[in-house]
N, C-alpha and C. Protein backbone atom coordinates (compact mmCIF):
# COMPACT_ATOMS: atom_id res chain seq x y z
N MET A 1 -63.87 -48.95 -34.10
CA MET A 1 -63.41 -49.57 -35.61
C MET A 1 -64.59 -50.58 -36.00
N THR A 2 -64.88 -50.43 -37.14
CA THR A 2 -66.02 -51.51 -37.72
C THR A 2 -65.39 -52.52 -38.61
N LYS A 3 -66.28 -53.46 -38.94
CA LYS A 3 -65.75 -54.62 -39.61
C LYS A 3 -65.18 -53.95 -41.10
N ALA A 4 -65.85 -52.98 -41.57
CA ALA A 4 -65.36 -52.47 -42.78
C ALA A 4 -64.11 -51.85 -42.81
N ASP A 5 -63.86 -51.06 -41.46
CA ASP A 5 -62.57 -50.59 -41.20
C ASP A 5 -61.49 -51.69 -41.01
N VAL A 6 -61.85 -52.71 -40.51
CA VAL A 6 -60.75 -53.82 -40.38
C VAL A 6 -60.63 -54.32 -41.75
N ILE A 7 -61.66 -54.56 -42.67
CA ILE A 7 -61.28 -55.23 -44.13
C ILE A 7 -60.57 -54.27 -44.82
N ALA A 8 -60.71 -52.85 -44.58
CA ALA A 8 -59.93 -51.95 -45.58
C ALA A 8 -58.49 -51.94 -44.94
N GLU A 9 -58.20 -51.97 -43.58
CA GLU A 9 -56.95 -52.00 -43.13
C GLU A 9 -56.09 -53.19 -43.43
N ILE A 10 -56.73 -54.37 -43.45
CA ILE A 10 -56.16 -55.53 -43.83
C ILE A 10 -55.76 -55.50 -45.37
N ALA A 11 -56.64 -55.16 -46.06
CA ALA A 11 -56.49 -55.10 -47.69
C ALA A 11 -55.34 -54.16 -48.04
N SER A 12 -55.43 -52.86 -47.45
CA SER A 12 -54.12 -51.95 -47.57
C SER A 12 -52.83 -52.59 -47.10
N LYS A 13 -52.76 -53.34 -46.12
CA LYS A 13 -51.54 -53.74 -45.48
C LYS A 13 -51.23 -55.07 -46.22
N THR A 14 -52.00 -55.75 -47.05
CA THR A 14 -51.52 -56.96 -47.54
C THR A 14 -51.31 -56.81 -49.11
N GLY A 15 -52.20 -55.93 -49.61
CA GLY A 15 -52.51 -55.75 -51.05
C GLY A 15 -53.57 -56.63 -51.61
N ILE A 16 -54.35 -57.49 -50.78
CA ILE A 16 -55.35 -58.34 -51.08
C ILE A 16 -56.40 -57.57 -51.40
N ASP A 17 -57.39 -57.98 -52.37
CA ASP A 17 -58.61 -57.24 -52.71
C ASP A 17 -59.56 -57.33 -51.57
N LYS A 18 -60.13 -56.13 -51.39
CA LYS A 18 -61.07 -56.14 -50.17
C LYS A 18 -62.28 -57.25 -50.35
N LYS A 19 -62.63 -57.71 -51.33
CA LYS A 19 -63.67 -58.65 -51.56
C LYS A 19 -63.09 -59.92 -51.02
N ASP A 20 -62.16 -60.24 -51.56
CA ASP A 20 -61.32 -61.50 -50.88
C ASP A 20 -60.97 -61.52 -49.35
N VAL A 21 -60.60 -60.41 -48.86
CA VAL A 21 -60.44 -60.15 -47.47
C VAL A 21 -61.76 -60.46 -46.84
N SER A 22 -62.74 -59.66 -47.21
CA SER A 22 -64.23 -59.87 -46.55
C SER A 22 -64.62 -61.09 -46.60
N GLU A 23 -64.46 -62.08 -47.85
CA GLU A 23 -64.85 -63.36 -47.77
C GLU A 23 -64.11 -64.28 -46.71
N THR A 24 -62.78 -63.92 -46.55
CA THR A 24 -62.10 -64.59 -45.65
C THR A 24 -62.34 -64.38 -44.27
N LEU A 25 -62.66 -63.20 -43.83
CA LEU A 25 -62.97 -62.68 -42.64
C LEU A 25 -64.50 -63.25 -42.24
N GLU A 26 -65.51 -63.36 -43.18
CA GLU A 26 -66.67 -63.88 -42.82
C GLU A 26 -66.75 -65.24 -42.60
N SER A 27 -65.74 -65.91 -43.49
CA SER A 27 -65.46 -67.29 -43.22
C SER A 27 -65.00 -67.79 -41.88
N PHE A 28 -64.15 -66.84 -41.32
CA PHE A 28 -63.39 -67.00 -40.05
C PHE A 28 -64.52 -66.86 -38.95
N PHE A 29 -65.40 -65.90 -39.10
CA PHE A 29 -66.41 -65.69 -38.24
C PHE A 29 -67.40 -66.96 -38.17
N GLU A 30 -67.60 -67.54 -39.41
CA GLU A 30 -68.69 -68.70 -39.41
C GLU A 30 -67.98 -69.92 -38.71
N VAL A 31 -66.89 -70.21 -38.92
CA VAL A 31 -66.00 -71.19 -38.37
C VAL A 31 -66.03 -71.00 -36.81
N VAL A 32 -65.82 -69.92 -36.35
CA VAL A 32 -65.85 -69.64 -34.87
C VAL A 32 -67.29 -69.95 -34.33
N LYS A 33 -68.33 -69.42 -35.13
CA LYS A 33 -69.71 -69.61 -34.49
C LYS A 33 -70.12 -71.13 -34.65
N ASN A 34 -69.73 -71.55 -35.84
CA ASN A 34 -70.02 -73.17 -35.96
C ASN A 34 -69.44 -74.07 -34.73
N ASN A 35 -68.19 -73.84 -34.61
CA ASN A 35 -67.44 -74.55 -33.54
C ASN A 35 -67.87 -74.46 -32.20
N LEU A 36 -68.19 -73.27 -31.94
CA LEU A 36 -68.58 -72.87 -30.58
C LEU A 36 -70.00 -73.47 -30.36
N ALA A 37 -70.93 -73.35 -31.39
CA ALA A 37 -72.22 -74.11 -31.36
C ALA A 37 -72.20 -75.45 -31.22
N ASN A 38 -71.12 -76.06 -31.57
CA ASN A 38 -70.66 -77.60 -31.53
C ASN A 38 -69.99 -77.84 -30.14
N GLN A 39 -69.70 -76.95 -29.34
CA GLN A 39 -69.23 -77.12 -28.05
C GLN A 39 -67.63 -77.42 -28.11
N GLU A 40 -67.07 -76.91 -29.24
CA GLU A 40 -65.75 -77.00 -29.53
C GLU A 40 -64.98 -75.48 -29.34
N ASN A 41 -63.99 -75.52 -28.34
CA ASN A 41 -63.56 -74.19 -28.28
C ASN A 41 -62.26 -73.98 -29.22
N ILE A 42 -61.81 -72.82 -29.57
CA ILE A 42 -60.96 -72.34 -30.55
C ILE A 42 -59.76 -71.59 -29.77
N TYR A 43 -58.46 -72.00 -29.86
CA TYR A 43 -57.41 -71.28 -29.51
C TYR A 43 -56.41 -70.79 -30.44
N VAL A 44 -56.19 -69.65 -30.31
CA VAL A 44 -55.38 -68.88 -31.38
C VAL A 44 -54.02 -68.56 -30.48
N ARG A 45 -53.14 -69.00 -30.73
CA ARG A 45 -51.74 -68.71 -29.83
C ARG A 45 -51.36 -67.34 -30.12
N GLY A 46 -51.12 -66.56 -29.02
CA GLY A 46 -50.70 -65.36 -29.14
C GLY A 46 -51.81 -64.11 -29.25
N PHE A 47 -53.09 -64.68 -29.53
CA PHE A 47 -54.28 -63.75 -29.54
C PHE A 47 -55.25 -64.17 -28.51
N GLY A 48 -55.76 -65.21 -28.36
CA GLY A 48 -56.66 -65.62 -27.42
C GLY A 48 -57.62 -66.81 -27.47
N SER A 49 -58.37 -67.11 -26.86
CA SER A 49 -59.23 -68.31 -26.80
C SER A 49 -60.86 -67.92 -27.08
N PHE A 50 -61.60 -68.62 -27.95
CA PHE A 50 -62.81 -68.32 -28.12
C PHE A 50 -63.53 -69.61 -27.41
N ILE A 51 -64.17 -69.41 -26.20
CA ILE A 51 -64.71 -70.62 -25.33
C ILE A 51 -66.14 -70.39 -25.02
N ASN A 52 -66.88 -71.63 -24.74
CA ASN A 52 -67.94 -71.62 -24.15
C ASN A 52 -67.98 -71.70 -22.77
N LYS A 53 -68.76 -70.71 -22.02
CA LYS A 53 -68.80 -70.91 -20.60
C LYS A 53 -70.30 -71.31 -20.11
N LYS A 54 -70.30 -72.19 -19.08
CA LYS A 54 -71.56 -72.74 -18.80
C LYS A 54 -72.19 -71.87 -17.69
N ARG A 55 -73.37 -71.58 -17.96
CA ARG A 55 -74.10 -70.77 -16.94
C ARG A 55 -75.24 -71.70 -16.25
N ALA A 56 -75.03 -71.78 -14.94
CA ALA A 56 -75.86 -72.72 -14.08
C ALA A 56 -77.24 -72.08 -14.17
N GLN A 57 -78.14 -73.27 -13.75
CA GLN A 57 -79.66 -72.86 -13.77
C GLN A 57 -79.72 -71.94 -12.44
N LYS A 58 -80.77 -70.92 -12.80
CA LYS A 58 -80.90 -69.91 -11.63
C LYS A 58 -82.44 -69.61 -11.62
N ILE A 59 -82.76 -69.13 -10.38
CA ILE A 59 -84.14 -68.45 -10.28
C ILE A 59 -83.86 -67.03 -10.49
N ALA A 60 -84.91 -66.59 -11.21
CA ALA A 60 -84.73 -65.03 -11.46
C ALA A 60 -86.11 -64.37 -11.09
N ARG A 61 -86.46 -63.02 -10.94
CA ARG A 61 -87.62 -62.37 -10.84
C ARG A 61 -87.99 -61.58 -11.91
N ASN A 62 -89.20 -61.85 -12.32
CA ASN A 62 -89.99 -60.79 -13.16
C ASN A 62 -90.37 -59.64 -12.29
N ILE A 63 -89.92 -58.56 -12.43
CA ILE A 63 -90.29 -57.68 -11.26
C ILE A 63 -91.58 -56.95 -11.74
N SER A 64 -91.86 -56.96 -13.09
CA SER A 64 -93.13 -56.36 -13.37
C SER A 64 -94.29 -57.14 -12.89
N LYS A 65 -94.24 -58.51 -12.95
CA LYS A 65 -95.30 -59.28 -12.75
C LYS A 65 -95.07 -59.77 -11.04
N ASN A 66 -94.06 -59.56 -10.68
CA ASN A 66 -93.68 -60.04 -9.32
C ASN A 66 -93.74 -61.56 -9.11
N THR A 67 -93.28 -62.31 -10.11
CA THR A 67 -93.17 -63.85 -10.15
C THR A 67 -91.67 -64.21 -10.41
N ALA A 68 -91.49 -65.59 -9.94
CA ALA A 68 -90.20 -66.12 -10.20
C ALA A 68 -90.19 -67.00 -11.26
N ILE A 69 -88.99 -66.96 -12.00
CA ILE A 69 -89.03 -67.85 -13.30
C ILE A 69 -87.57 -68.44 -13.22
N THR A 70 -87.56 -69.69 -13.70
CA THR A 70 -86.31 -70.55 -13.64
C THR A 70 -85.64 -70.28 -15.20
N ILE A 71 -84.26 -69.91 -15.09
CA ILE A 71 -83.51 -69.75 -16.34
C ILE A 71 -82.52 -71.27 -16.34
N ASP A 72 -82.75 -71.85 -17.20
CA ASP A 72 -82.21 -73.24 -17.43
C ASP A 72 -80.56 -72.93 -17.73
N ALA A 73 -79.90 -73.88 -17.52
CA ALA A 73 -78.48 -73.94 -17.56
C ALA A 73 -78.22 -73.90 -19.02
N HIS A 74 -77.48 -72.92 -19.43
CA HIS A 74 -76.88 -72.73 -20.88
C HIS A 74 -75.55 -72.27 -21.05
N TYR A 75 -75.11 -72.27 -22.21
CA TYR A 75 -73.83 -71.89 -22.72
C TYR A 75 -73.82 -70.47 -23.20
N VAL A 76 -72.78 -69.63 -22.95
CA VAL A 76 -72.52 -68.31 -23.63
C VAL A 76 -71.22 -68.40 -24.10
N PRO A 77 -71.13 -67.65 -25.35
CA PRO A 77 -69.70 -67.43 -25.93
C PRO A 77 -68.95 -66.57 -25.09
N SER A 78 -67.70 -66.81 -25.12
CA SER A 78 -66.70 -65.89 -24.35
C SER A 78 -65.33 -65.97 -25.11
N PHE A 79 -64.79 -64.79 -24.78
CA PHE A 79 -63.20 -64.70 -25.46
C PHE A 79 -62.26 -64.23 -24.16
N LYS A 80 -61.38 -65.08 -24.44
CA LYS A 80 -60.29 -64.73 -23.21
C LYS A 80 -58.95 -64.65 -24.06
N PRO A 81 -58.47 -63.29 -23.65
CA PRO A 81 -57.28 -62.90 -24.40
C PRO A 81 -56.01 -63.47 -23.88
N ALA A 82 -55.13 -63.60 -24.72
CA ALA A 82 -53.68 -64.28 -24.47
C ALA A 82 -52.95 -63.26 -23.68
N LYS A 83 -52.03 -63.78 -22.80
CA LYS A 83 -51.40 -62.83 -21.91
C LYS A 83 -50.45 -61.76 -22.79
N VAL A 84 -50.01 -62.45 -23.97
CA VAL A 84 -49.23 -61.15 -24.79
C VAL A 84 -50.22 -60.11 -25.20
N PHE A 85 -51.25 -60.48 -25.58
CA PHE A 85 -52.43 -59.57 -25.91
C PHE A 85 -52.70 -58.63 -24.86
N VAL A 86 -52.76 -59.05 -23.60
CA VAL A 86 -53.21 -58.22 -22.51
C VAL A 86 -52.14 -57.34 -22.24
N GLU A 87 -50.92 -57.75 -22.30
CA GLU A 87 -49.70 -56.95 -21.85
C GLU A 87 -49.68 -55.88 -22.94
N GLN A 88 -49.89 -56.20 -24.18
CA GLN A 88 -49.79 -55.27 -25.22
C GLN A 88 -50.83 -53.92 -25.20
N VAL A 89 -51.95 -54.30 -24.65
CA VAL A 89 -53.09 -53.36 -24.48
C VAL A 89 -52.72 -52.51 -23.11
N LYS A 90 -52.27 -53.26 -22.13
CA LYS A 90 -51.79 -52.48 -20.85
C LYS A 90 -50.86 -51.47 -21.08
N THR A 91 -49.60 -52.00 -21.89
CA THR A 91 -48.72 -50.89 -22.05
C THR A 91 -48.92 -49.87 -23.29
N SER A 92 -50.06 -49.82 -23.86
CA SER A 92 -50.26 -49.04 -24.94
C SER A 92 -50.53 -47.67 -24.44
N THR A 93 -50.31 -46.51 -25.29
CA THR A 93 -50.37 -45.15 -24.82
C THR A 93 -51.82 -44.80 -25.36
N ASP A 94 -52.43 -43.74 -24.66
CA ASP A 94 -53.83 -43.17 -24.92
C ASP A 94 -53.64 -42.31 -26.05
N PRO A 95 -54.18 -42.59 -27.28
CA PRO A 95 -54.04 -41.87 -28.64
C PRO A 95 -54.74 -40.53 -28.41
N THR A 96 -55.52 -40.27 -27.30
CA THR A 96 -56.13 -38.88 -27.38
C THR A 96 -55.34 -37.60 -26.67
N LYS A 97 -54.14 -38.24 -26.11
CA LYS A 97 -53.53 -37.34 -25.26
C LYS A 97 -52.23 -36.98 -26.28
């Protein structure tokens, strides 16, 4: 499912214009990106959490040059689904069968 499919489905279920749904969805994505960039996690009850995970500094190898490089400590965005969300996915049926 693509972003356009999500927008179309939300528009059909709510009766809101696709343009308004698109602007709302883009605004949501912008809020998530900005808050994670500012080291602020986002918690959506019943859905999940958008969090920053810290990766420690490590030594890596450049195989082609056979040299060691240092990768500094950094943060990566992550999504942790809520228990309700996980259970719903676990109990879902395979639509191809």
